[in-house]
Every structure is written in C-alpha cells, then in structure tokens.
C-alpha cells in the first residue's frame, strides 16, 4: 500500500526542513531551507508568509528555520539556525524576537 498525500504544500522554492500541524486551528506551518516560513490550511491552501525581522541583520537573518511549534492559542515560535527565535501570530504578525548564543541541533 502507498500512502496518498492529504495536501501538497506549495510556495516553497527549496525543500521543507521543519513543519508543525495545529489541528485545533486547522493550520500547517512549514519552513524551507532558504526560507521563508509559510502557513497553509490543512487542505494545502497557502494562507500567509511569515516574514522575519530582516532589519536586525539583513534578510539572511531569517533563513534556515530549524524548529517550528504552534500553539492552540494561535502563536507560532520559530527557531532559526543562527540562534534567533521569533514569535508570530497566525495572522503573520511578528510579535517578539530573541537572539541566543546557543546553537540548538
């Protein structure tokens, strides 16, 4: 038996490196190798692009997302390879950022 996909996530130019599903809100949030992170419906419809704080260190600051977690309250935390955490609303609005010196692997 072969599994058939429930949805195809469109909009990424590179391979997806991390993803999370928020079943309570009916959302799939995914990040690709060279960014950005995208919010899709459970049917695969592209809803939003999560734009990170490009002004902190240039647009490369929000490349290479490594971890994504969504809450049922509608928040999304993304950890990027360079040590940056970003918190977004599911509406795509950047709510907070924090830089760390630690590298999570």
PDB file of N, CA and C in Angstrom:
ATOM      1  N   UNK A   1       0.833  -1.191   0.000  1.00  0.00           N
ATOM      2  CA  UNK A   1       0.000   0.000   0.000  1.00  0.00           C
ATOM      3  C   UNK A   1       0.872   1.246   0.000  1.00  0.00           C
ATOM      4  N   UNK A   2       0.441   2.222  -0.775  1.00  0.00           N
ATOM      5  CA  UNK A   2       1.119   3.502  -0.823  1.00  0.00           C
ATOM      6  C   UNK A   2       0.237   4.545  -0.162  1.00  0.00           C
ATOM      7  N   UNK A   3       0.848   5.372   0.650  1.00  0.00           N
ATOM      8  CA  UNK A   3       0.110   6.465   1.280  1.00  0.00           C
ATOM      9  C   UNK A   3      -0.080   7.577   0.258  1.00  0.00           C
ATOM     10  N   UNK A   4      -1.245   8.148   0.242  1.00  0.00           N
ATOM     11  CA  UNK A   4      -1.507   9.282  -0.641  1.00  0.00           C
ATOM     12  C   UNK A   4      -1.484  10.554   0.197  1.00  0.00           C
ATOM     13  N   UNK A   5      -0.906  11.616  -0.338  1.00  0.00           N
ATOM     14  CA  UNK A   5      -0.831  12.855   0.432  1.00  0.00           C
ATOM     15  C   UNK A   5      -2.217  13.465   0.641  1.00  0.00           C
ATOM     16  N   UNK A   6      -2.414  14.035   1.817  1.00  0.00           N
ATOM     17  CA  UNK A   6      -3.674  14.733   2.110  1.00  0.00           C
ATOM     18  C   UNK A   6      -3.668  16.112   1.487  1.00  0.00           C
ATOM     19  N   UNK A   7      -2.482  16.705   1.390  1.00  0.00           N
ATOM     20  CA  UNK A   7      -2.350  18.045   0.818  1.00  0.00           C
ATOM     21  C   UNK A   7      -0.919  18.223   0.326  1.00  0.00           C
ATOM     22  N   UNK A   8      -0.754  19.089  -0.637  1.00  0.00           N
ATOM     23  CA  UNK A   8       0.559  19.456  -1.142  1.00  0.00           C
ATOM     24  C   UNK A   8       0.800  20.894  -0.732  1.00  0.00           C
ATOM     25  N   UNK A   9       1.915  21.133  -0.039  1.00  0.00           N
ATOM     26  CA  UNK A   9       2.243  22.480   0.420  1.00  0.00           C
ATOM     27  C   UNK A   9       3.014  23.207  -0.670  1.00  0.00           C
ATOM     28  N   UNK A  10       2.408  24.210  -1.243  1.00  0.00           N
ATOM     29  CA  UNK A  10       3.038  24.972  -2.322  1.00  0.00           C
ATOM     30  C   UNK A  10       3.638  26.260  -1.765  1.00  0.00           C
ATOM     31  N   UNK A  11       4.531  26.857  -2.521  1.00  0.00           N
ATOM     32  CA  UNK A  11       5.082  28.153  -2.156  1.00  0.00           C
ATOM     33  C   UNK A  11       6.536  28.128  -1.758  1.00  0.00           C
ATOM     34  N   UNK A  12       7.076  26.971  -1.449  1.00  0.00           N
ATOM     35  CA  UNK A  12       8.499  26.879  -1.089  1.00  0.00           C
ATOM     36  C   UNK A  12       9.332  26.680  -2.345  1.00  0.00           C
ATOM     37  N   UNK A  13      10.487  27.347  -2.388  1.00  0.00           N
ATOM     38  CA  UNK A  13      11.413  27.171  -3.504  1.00  0.00           C
ATOM     39  C   UNK A  13      12.448  26.082  -3.222  1.00  0.00           C
ATOM     40  N   UNK A  14      12.604  25.733  -1.946  1.00  0.00           N
ATOM     41  CA  UNK A  14      13.582  24.718  -1.537  1.00  0.00           C
ATOM     42  C   UNK A  14      12.884  23.688  -0.663  1.00  0.00           C
ATOM     43  N   UNK A  15      13.606  22.625  -0.317  1.00  0.00           N
ATOM     44  CA  UNK A  15      12.996  21.552   0.458  1.00  0.00           C
ATOM     45  C   UNK A  15      12.568  22.037   1.841  1.00  0.00           C
ATOM     46  N   UNK A  16      11.496  21.439   2.338  1.00  0.00           N
ATOM     47  CA  UNK A  16      10.978  21.766   3.658  1.00  0.00           C
ATOM     48  C   UNK A  16      11.878  21.119   4.706  1.00  0.00           C
ATOM     49  N   UNK A  17      12.308  21.916   5.687  1.00  0.00           N
ATOM     50  CA  UNK A  17      13.212  21.422   6.730  1.00  0.00           C
ATOM     51  C   UNK A  17      12.505  21.208   8.064  1.00  0.00           C
ATOM     52  N   UNK A  18      11.357  21.857   8.261  1.00  0.00           N
ATOM     53  CA  UNK A  18      10.618  21.689   9.511  1.00  0.00           C
ATOM     54  C   UNK A  18       9.157  22.057   9.270  1.00  0.00           C
ATOM     55  N   UNK A  19       8.296  21.457  10.071  1.00  0.00           N
ATOM     56  CA  UNK A  19       6.863  21.720   9.934  1.00  0.00           C
ATOM     57  C   UNK A  19       6.154  21.361  11.234  1.00  0.00           C
ATOM     58  N   UNK A  20       5.003  21.957  11.431  1.00  0.00           N
ATOM     59  CA  UNK A  20       4.154  21.620  12.561  1.00  0.00           C
ATOM     60  C   UNK A  20       2.704  21.709  12.118  1.00  0.00           C
ATOM     61  N   UNK A  21       1.865  20.948  12.783  1.00  0.00           N
ATOM     62  CA  UNK A  21       0.427  20.961  12.497  1.00  0.00           C
ATOM     63  C   UNK A  21      -0.300  21.441  13.735  1.00  0.00           C
ATOM     64  N   UNK A  22      -1.174  22.399  13.561  1.00  0.00           N
ATOM     65  CA  UNK A  22      -2.036  22.864  14.641  1.00  0.00           C
ATOM     66  C   UNK A  22      -3.454  22.447  14.278  1.00  0.00           C
ATOM     67  N   UNK A  23      -3.832  21.252  14.720  1.00  0.00           N
ATOM     68  CA  UNK A  23      -5.133  20.683  14.347  1.00  0.00           C
ATOM     69  C   UNK A  23      -6.283  21.534  14.873  1.00  0.00           C
ATOM     70  N   UNK A  24      -6.100  22.153  16.049  1.00  0.00           N
ATOM     71  CA  UNK A  24      -7.166  22.968  16.631  1.00  0.00           C
ATOM     72  C   UNK A  24      -7.541  24.150  15.748  1.00  0.00           C
ATOM     73  N   UNK A  25      -6.553  24.712  15.053  1.00  0.00           N
ATOM     74  CA  UNK A  25      -6.801  25.854  14.171  1.00  0.00           C
ATOM     75  C   UNK A  25      -6.851  25.463  12.697  1.00  0.00           C
ATOM     76  N   UNK A  26      -6.572  24.196  12.398  1.00  0.00           N
ATOM     77  CA  UNK A  26      -6.609  23.733  11.016  1.00  0.00           C
ATOM     78  C   UNK A  26      -5.479  24.283  10.169  1.00  0.00           C
ATOM     79  N   UNK A  27      -4.281  24.409  10.766  1.00  0.00           N
ATOM     80  CA  UNK A  27      -3.149  25.015  10.070  1.00  0.00           C
ATOM     81  C   UNK A  27      -1.940  24.090  10.017  1.00  0.00           C
ATOM     82  N   UNK A  28      -1.168  24.252   8.959  1.00  0.00           N
ATOM     83  CA  UNK A  28       0.135  23.609   8.814  1.00  0.00           C
ATOM     84  C   UNK A  28       1.136  24.741   8.597  1.00  0.00           C
ATOM     85  N   UNK A  29       2.188  24.767   9.411  1.00  0.00           N
ATOM     86  CA  UNK A  29       3.217  25.793   9.277  1.00  0.00           C
ATOM     87  C   UNK A  29       4.510  25.081   8.914  1.00  0.00           C
ATOM     88  N   UNK A  30       5.148  25.545   7.846  1.00  0.00           N
ATOM     89  CA  UNK A  30       6.349  24.863   7.356  1.00  0.00           C
ATOM     90  C   UNK A  30       7.438  25.875   7.043  1.00  0.00           C
ATOM     91  N   UNK A  31       8.674  25.404   7.166  1.00  0.00           N
ATOM     92  CA  UNK A  31       9.826  26.232   6.846  1.00  0.00           C
ATOM     93  C   UNK A  31      10.720  25.500   5.867  1.00  0.00           C
ATOM     94  N   UNK A  32      11.316  26.248   4.945  1.00  0.00           N
ATOM     95  CA  UNK A  32      12.182  25.618   3.951  1.00  0.00           C
ATOM     96  C   UNK A  32      13.625  26.046   4.144  1.00  0.00           C
ATOM     97  N   UNK A  33      14.515  25.351   3.483  1.00  0.00           N
ATOM     98  CA  UNK A  33      15.958  25.515   3.645  1.00  0.00           C
ATOM     99  C   UNK A  33      16.405  26.969   3.540  1.00  0.00           C
ATOM    100  N   UNK A  34      15.918  27.696   2.588  1.00  0.00           N
ATOM    101  CA  UNK A  34      16.308  29.096   2.409  1.00  0.00           C
ATOM    102  C   UNK A  34      15.168  30.056   2.730  1.00  0.00           C
ATOM    103  N   UNK A  35      14.222  29.617   3.569  1.00  0.00           N
ATOM    104  CA  UNK A  35      13.120  30.474   3.990  1.00  0.00           C
ATOM    105  C   UNK A  35      12.178  30.766   2.846  1.00  0.00           C
ATOM    106  N   UNK A  36      11.079  31.387   3.073  1.00  0.00           N
ATOM    107  CA  UNK A  36      10.503  31.783   4.349  1.00  0.00           C
ATOM    108  C   UNK A  36       9.667  30.655   4.948  1.00  0.00           C
ATOM    109  N   UNK A  37       9.048  30.937   6.091  1.00  0.00           N
ATOM    110  CA  UNK A  37       8.088  30.008   6.674  1.00  0.00           C
ATOM    111  C   UNK A  37       6.703  30.382   6.159  1.00  0.00           C
ATOM    112  N   UNK A  38       5.896  29.374   5.897  1.00  0.00           N
ATOM    113  CA  UNK A  38       4.574  29.591   5.305  1.00  0.00           C
ATOM    114  C   UNK A  38       3.494  28.936   6.155  1.00  0.00           C
ATOM    115  N   UNK A  39       2.311  29.552   6.151  1.00  0.00           N
ATOM    116  CA  UNK A  39       1.146  28.980   6.820  1.00  0.00           C
ATOM    117  C   UNK A  39       0.173  28.511   5.746  1.00  0.00           C
ATOM    118  N   UNK A  40      -0.227  27.240   5.852  1.00  0.00           N
ATOM    119  CA  UNK A  40      -1.195  26.636   4.933  1.00  0.00           C
ATOM    120  C   UNK A  40      -2.410  26.155   5.713  1.00  0.00           C
ATOM    121  N   UNK A  41      -3.521  26.033   5.014  1.00  0.00           N
ATOM    122  CA  UNK A  41      -4.669  25.347   5.604  1.00  0.00           C
ATOM    123  C   UNK A  41      -4.376  23.849   5.572  1.00  0.00           C
ATOM    124  N   UNK A  42      -5.179  23.077   6.273  1.00  0.00           N
ATOM    125  CA  UNK A  42      -4.996  21.616   6.261  1.00  0.00           C
ATOM    126  C   UNK A  42      -5.244  21.038   4.869  1.00  0.00           C
ATOM    127  N   UNK A  43      -5.910  21.793   4.008  1.00  0.00           N
ATOM    128  CA  UNK A  43      -6.145  21.359   2.627  1.00  0.00           C
ATOM    129  C   UNK A  43      -4.993  21.718   1.704  1.00  0.00           C
ATOM    130  N   UNK A  44      -4.007  22.458   2.228  1.00  0.00           N
ATOM    131  CA  UNK A  44      -2.855  22.827   1.419  1.00  0.00           C
ATOM    132  C   UNK A  44      -2.918  24.213   0.824  1.00  0.00           C
ATOM    133  N   UNK A  45      -3.965  24.982   1.108  1.00  0.00           N
ATOM    134  CA  UNK A  45      -4.067  26.345   0.581  1.00  0.00           C
ATOM    135  C   UNK A  45      -3.080  27.257   1.304  1.00  0.00           C
ATOM    136  N   UNK A  46      -2.286  28.009   0.550  1.00  0.00           N
ATOM    137  CA  UNK A  46      -1.336  28.946   1.127  1.00  0.00           C
ATOM    138  C   UNK A  46      -2.092  30.136   1.695  1.00  0.00           C
ATOM    139  N   UNK A  47      -1.909  30.409   2.996  1.00  0.00           N
ATOM    140  CA  UNK A  47      -2.630  31.489   3.659  1.00  0.00           C
ATOM    141  C   UNK A  47      -1.753  32.700   3.947  1.00  0.00           C
ATOM    142  N   UNK A  48      -0.546  32.482   4.447  1.00  0.00           N
ATOM    143  CA  UNK A  48       0.314  33.580   4.865  1.00  0.00           C
ATOM    144  C   UNK A  48       1.792  33.213   4.706  1.00  0.00           C
ATOM    145  N   UNK A  49       2.608  34.255   4.607  1.00  0.00           N
ATOM    146  CA  UNK A  49       4.054  34.126   4.663  1.00  0.00           C
ATOM    147  C   UNK A  49       4.518  34.793   5.938  1.00  0.00           C
ATOM    148  N   UNK A  50       5.361  34.127   6.697  1.00  0.00           N
ATOM    149  CA  UNK A  50       5.889  34.695   7.936  1.00  0.00           C
ATOM    150  C   UNK A  50       7.210  35.385   7.631  1.00  0.00           C
ATOM    151  N   UNK A  51       7.189  36.696   7.658  1.00  0.00           N
ATOM    152  CA  UNK A  51       8.378  37.491   7.369  1.00  0.00           C
ATOM    153  C   UNK A  51       9.069  37.836   8.666  1.00  0.00           C
ATOM    154  N   UNK A  52      10.316  37.421   8.791  1.00  0.00           N
ATOM    155  CA  UNK A  52      11.084  37.695   9.996  1.00  0.00           C
ATOM    156  C   UNK A  52      11.612  39.117  10.011  1.00  0.00           C
ATOM    157  N   UNK A  53      12.290  39.466  11.080  1.00  0.00           N
ATOM    158  CA  UNK A  53      12.810  40.834  11.240  1.00  0.00           C
ATOM    159  C   UNK A  53      14.062  41.059  10.406  1.00  0.00           C
ATOM    160  N   UNK A  54      13.892  41.295   9.136  1.00  0.00           N
ATOM    161  CA  UNK A  54      15.023  41.441   8.210  1.00  0.00           C
ATOM    162  C   UNK A  54      15.911  42.623   8.583  1.00  0.00           C
ATOM    163  N   UNK A  55      15.388  43.577   9.314  1.00  0.00           N
ATOM    164  CA  UNK A  55      16.177  44.760   9.637  1.00  0.00           C
ATOM    165  C   UNK A  55      17.206  44.499  10.728  1.00  0.00           C
ATOM    166  N   UNK A  56      17.123  43.386  11.462  1.00  0.00           N
ATOM    167  CA  UNK A  56      18.081  43.114  12.533  1.00  0.00           C
ATOM    168  C   UNK A  56      19.486  42.896  11.992  1.00  0.00           C
ATOM    169  N   UNK A  57      19.611  42.001  11.026  1.00  0.00           N
ATOM    170  CA  UNK A  57      20.935  41.695  10.471  1.00  0.00           C
ATOM    171  C   UNK A  57      20.854  41.432   8.976  1.00  0.00           C
ATOM    172  N   UNK A  58      19.876  41.953   8.332  1.00  0.00           N
ATOM    173  CA  UNK A  58      19.699  41.702   6.912  1.00  0.00           C
ATOM    174  C   UNK A  58      18.764  40.537   6.677  1.00  0.00           C
ATOM    175  N   UNK A  59      18.325  40.325   5.432  1.00  0.00           N
ATOM    176  CA  UNK A  59      17.358  39.274   5.136  1.00  0.00           C
ATOM    177  C   UNK A  59      17.855  37.869   5.429  1.00  0.00           C
ATOM    178  N   UNK A  60      19.172  37.671   5.452  1.00  0.00           N
ATOM    179  CA  UNK A  60      19.705  36.338   5.742  1.00  0.00           C
ATOM    180  C   UNK A  60      19.471  35.944   7.203  1.00  0.00           C
ATOM    181  N   UNK A  61      19.044  36.877   8.028  1.00  0.00           N
ATOM    182  CA  UNK A  61      18.805  36.614   9.445  1.00  0.00           C
ATOM    183  C   UNK A  61      17.716  35.567   9.659  1.00  0.00           C
ATOM    184  N   UNK A  62      16.765  35.482   8.768  1.00  0.00           N
ATOM    185  CA  UNK A  62      15.641  34.565   8.946  1.00  0.00           C
ATOM    186  C   UNK A  62      15.645  33.447   7.917  1.00  0.00           C
ATOM    187  N   UNK A  63      16.826  33.008   7.558  1.00  0.00           N
ATOM    188  CA  UNK A  63      16.948  31.844   6.686  1.00  0.00           C
ATOM    189  C   UNK A  63      17.201  30.610   7.533  1.00  0.00           C
ATOM    190  N   UNK A  64      16.942  29.495   6.960  1.00  0.00           N
ATOM    191  CA  UNK A  64      17.212  28.189   7.569  1.00  0.00           C
ATOM    192  C   UNK A  64      16.492  27.962   8.893  1.00  0.00           C
ATOM    193  N   UNK A  65      15.169  27.950   8.863  1.00  0.00           N
ATOM    194  CA  UNK A  65      14.431  27.594  10.086  1.00  0.00           C
ATOM    195  C   UNK A  65      14.711  26.137  10.443  1.00  0.00           C
ATOM    196  N   UNK A  66      14.896  25.882  11.731  1.00  0.00           N
ATOM    197  CA  UNK A  66      15.215  24.532  12.202  1.00  0.00           C
ATOM    198  C   UNK A  66      14.073  23.896  12.976  1.00  0.00           C
ATOM    199  N   UNK A  67      13.375  24.681  13.769  1.00  0.00           N
ATOM    200  CA  UNK A  67      12.279  24.172  14.599  1.00  0.00           C
ATOM    201  C   UNK A  67      11.084  25.109  14.500  1.00  0.00           C
ATOM    202  N   UNK A  68       9.891  24.526  14.444  1.00  0.00           N
ATOM    203  CA  UNK A  68       8.652  25.306  14.446  1.00  0.00           C
ATOM    204  C   UNK A  68       7.695  24.634  15.419  1.00  0.00           C
ATOM    205  N   UNK A  69       7.036  25.452  16.224  1.00  0.00           N
ATOM    206  CA  UNK A  69       5.999  24.932  17.114  1.00  0.00           C
ATOM    207  C   UNK A  69       4.843  25.924  17.142  1.00  0.00           C
ATOM    208  N   UNK A  70       3.631  25.420  17.034  1.00  0.00           N
ATOM    209  CA  UNK A  70       2.435  26.271  17.076  1.00  0.00           C
ATOM    210  C   UNK A  70       1.606  25.912  18.298  1.00  0.00           C
ATOM    211  N   UNK A  71       0.941  26.914  18.845  1.00  0.00           N
ATOM    212  CA  UNK A  71       0.069  26.685  19.997  1.00  0.00           C
ATOM    213  C   UNK A  71      -1.384  26.763  19.554  1.00  0.00           C
ATOM    214  N   UNK A  72      -2.253  26.185  20.342  1.00  0.00           N
ATOM    215  CA  UNK A  72      -3.686  26.248  20.014  1.00  0.00           C
ATOM    216  C   UNK A  72      -4.252  27.646  20.220  1.00  0.00           C
ATOM    217  N   UNK A  73      -3.480  28.514  20.894  1.00  0.00           N
ATOM    218  CA  UNK A  73      -3.902  29.900  21.077  1.00  0.00           C
ATOM    219  C   UNK A  73      -3.577  30.779  19.869  1.00  0.00           C
ATOM    220  N   UNK A  74      -2.857  30.227  18.914  1.00  0.00           N
ATOM    221  CA  UNK A  74      -2.589  30.969  17.691  1.00  0.00           C
ATOM    222  C   UNK A  74      -1.223  31.629  17.632  1.00  0.00           C
ATOM    223  N   UNK A  75      -0.250  31.116  18.381  1.00  0.00           N
ATOM    224  CA  UNK A  75       1.115  31.624  18.320  1.00  0.00           C
ATOM    225  C   UNK A  75       2.012  30.586  17.668  1.00  0.00           C
ATOM    226  N   UNK A  76       3.014  31.075  16.995  1.00  0.00           N
ATOM    227  CA  UNK A  76       3.973  30.201  16.322  1.00  0.00           C
ATOM    228  C   UNK A  76       5.372  30.653  16.705  1.00  0.00           C
ATOM    229  N   UNK A  77       6.177  29.722  17.240  1.00  0.00           N
ATOM    230  CA  UNK A  77       7.565  30.012  17.588  1.00  0.00           C
ATOM    231  C   UNK A  77       8.454  29.314  16.566  1.00  0.00           C
ATOM    232  N   UNK A  78       9.375  30.076  16.005  1.00  0.00           N
ATOM    233  CA  UNK A  78      10.311  29.530  15.018  1.00  0.00           C
ATOM    234  C   UNK A  78      11.728  29.768  15.518  1.00  0.00           C
ATOM    235  N   UNK A  79      12.539  28.722  15.475  1.00  0.00           N
ATOM    236  CA  UNK A  79      13.959  28.835  15.803  1.00  0.00           C
ATOM    237  C   UNK A  79      14.749  28.709  14.503  1.00  0.00           C
ATOM    238  N   UNK A  80      15.610  29.686  14.248  1.00  0.00           N
ATOM    239  CA  UNK A  80      16.432  29.697  13.044  1.00  0.00           C
ATOM    240  C   UNK A  80      17.852  29.225  13.367  1.00  0.00           C
ATOM    241  N   UNK A  81      18.526  28.714  12.357  1.00  0.00           N
ATOM    242  CA  UNK A  81      19.863  28.138  12.510  1.00  0.00           C
ATOM    243  C   UNK A  81      20.862  29.082  13.173  1.00  0.00           C
ATOM    244  N   UNK A  82      20.712  30.380  12.974  1.00  0.00           N
ATOM    245  CA  UNK A  82      21.674  31.349  13.510  1.00  0.00           C
ATOM    246  C   UNK A  82      21.423  31.715  14.979  1.00  0.00           C
ATOM    247  N   UNK A  83      20.463  31.064  15.644  1.00  0.00           N
ATOM    248  CA  UNK A  83      20.214  31.318  17.049  1.00  0.00           C
ATOM    249  C   UNK A  83      19.096  32.308  17.332  1.00  0.00           C
ATOM    250  N   UNK A  84      18.307  32.660  16.344  1.00  0.00           N
ATOM    251  CA  UNK A  84      17.216  33.613  16.511  1.00  0.00           C
ATOM    252  C   UNK A  84      15.894  32.884  16.734  1.00  0.00           C
ATOM    253  N   UNK A  85      15.162  33.290  17.755  1.00  0.00           N
ATOM    254  CA  UNK A  85      13.793  32.836  17.981  1.00  0.00           C
ATOM    255  C   UNK A  85      12.853  33.951  17.552  1.00  0.00           C
ATOM    256  N   UNK A  86      11.774  33.618  16.864  1.00  0.00           N
ATOM    257  CA  UNK A  86      10.736  34.588  16.503  1.00  0.00           C
ATOM    258  C   UNK A  86       9.382  34.027  16.900  1.00  0.00           C
ATOM    259  N   UNK A  87       8.524  34.894  17.412  1.00  0.00           N
ATOM    260  CA  UNK A  87       7.155  34.515  17.742  1.00  0.00           C
ATOM    261  C   UNK A  87       6.239  35.299  16.814  1.00  0.00           C
ATOM    262  N   UNK A  88       5.358  34.568  16.119  1.00  0.00           N
ATOM    263  CA  UNK A  88       4.406  35.161  15.194  1.00  0.00           C
ATOM    264  C   UNK A  88       2.988  34.828  15.640  1.00  0.00           C
ATOM    265  N   UNK A  89       2.042  35.689  15.269  1.00  0.00           N
ATOM    266  CA  UNK A  89       0.632  35.315  15.378  1.00  0.00           C
ATOM    267  C   UNK A  89       0.289  34.514  14.131  1.00  0.00           C
ATOM    268  N   UNK A  90      -0.807  33.774  14.160  1.00  0.00           N
ATOM    269  CA  UNK A  90      -1.185  33.013  12.970  1.00  0.00           C
ATOM    270  C   UNK A  90      -1.667  33.943  11.860  1.00  0.00           C
ATOM    271  N   UNK A  91      -1.832  35.226  12.168  1.00  0.00           N
ATOM    272  CA  UNK A  91      -2.149  36.217  11.142  1.00  0.00           C
ATOM    273  C   UNK A  91      -0.889  36.696  10.427  1.00  0.00           C
ATOM    274  N   UNK A  92       0.280  36.195  10.852  1.00  0.00           N
ATOM    275  CA  UNK A  92       1.533  36.531  10.194  1.00  0.00           C
ATOM    276  C   UNK A  92       2.272  37.693  10.813  1.00  0.00           C
ATOM    277  N   UNK A  93       1.766  38.234  11.902  1.00  0.00           N
ATOM    278  CA  UNK A  93       2.396  39.398  12.523  1.00  0.00           C
ATOM    279  C   UNK A  93       3.514  38.962  13.464  1.00  0.00           C
ATOM    280  N   UNK A  94       4.697  39.553  13.288  1.00  0.00           N
ATOM    281  CA  UNK A  94       5.825  39.291  14.168  1.00  0.00           C
ATOM    282  C   UNK A  94       5.537  39.925  15.521  1.00  0.00           C
ATOM    283  N   UNK A  95       5.585  39.124  16.591  1.00  0.00           N
ATOM    284  CA  UNK A  95       5.263  39.630  17.923  1.00  0.00           C
ATOM    285  C   UNK A  95       6.478  39.802  18.819  1.00  0.00           C
ATOM    286  N   UNK A  96       7.489  38.968  18.665  1.00  0.00           N
ATOM    287  CA  UNK A  96       8.676  39.067  19.516  1.00  0.00           C
ATOM    288  C   UNK A  96       9.845  38.352  18.863  1.00  0.00           C
ATOM    289  N   UNK A  97      11.049  38.768  19.228  1.00  0.00           N
ATOM    290  CA  UNK A  97      12.263  38.094  18.782  1.00  0.00           C
ATOM    291  C   UNK A  97      13.228  37.986  19.960  1.00  0.00           C
ATOM    292  N   UNK A  98      14.103  37.008  19.895  1.00  0.00           N
ATOM    293  CA  UNK A  98      15.151  36.853  20.897  1.00  0.00           C
ATOM    294  C   UNK A  98      16.335  36.167  20.243  1.00  0.00           C
ATOM    295  N   UNK A  99      17.507  36.742  20.416  1.00  0.00           N
ATOM    296  CA  UNK A  99      18.726  36.127  19.894  1.00  0.00           C
ATOM    297  C   UNK A  99      19.438  35.391  21.015  1.00  0.00           C
ATOM    298  N   UNK A 100      20.004  34.224  20.689  1.00  0.00           N
ATOM    299  CA  UNK A 100      20.764  33.454  21.655  1.00  0.00           C
ATOM    300  C   UNK A 100      22.130  33.130  21.073  1.00  0.00           C
ATOM    301  N   UNK A 101      23.061  32.845  21.946  1.00  0.00           N
ATOM    302  CA  UNK A 101      24.387  32.414  21.501  1.00  0.00           C
ATOM    303  C   UNK A 101      24.453  30.906  21.363  1.00  0.00           C
ATOM    304  N   UNK A 102      23.463  30.221  21.929  1.00  0.00           N
ATOM    305  CA  UNK A 102      23.438  28.762  21.860  1.00  0.00           C
ATOM    306  C   UNK A 102      22.972  28.305  20.491  1.00  0.00           C
ATOM    307  N   UNK A 103      23.496  27.190  20.068  1.00  0.00           N
ATOM    308  CA  UNK A 103      23.082  26.588  18.803  1.00  0.00           C
ATOM    309  C   UNK A 103      22.369  25.277  19.109  1.00  0.00           C
ATOM    310  N   UNK A 104      21.077  25.237  18.916  1.00  0.00           N
ATOM    311  CA  UNK A 104      20.293  24.024  19.128  1.00  0.00           C
ATOM    312  C   UNK A 104      20.459  23.146  17.906  1.00  0.00           C
ATOM    313  N   UNK A 105      20.691  21.874  18.120  1.00  0.00           N
ATOM    314  CA  UNK A 105      20.876  20.959  16.989  1.00  0.00           C
ATOM    315  C   UNK A 105      19.830  19.892  17.010  1.00  0.00           C
TER     316      UNK A 105
END
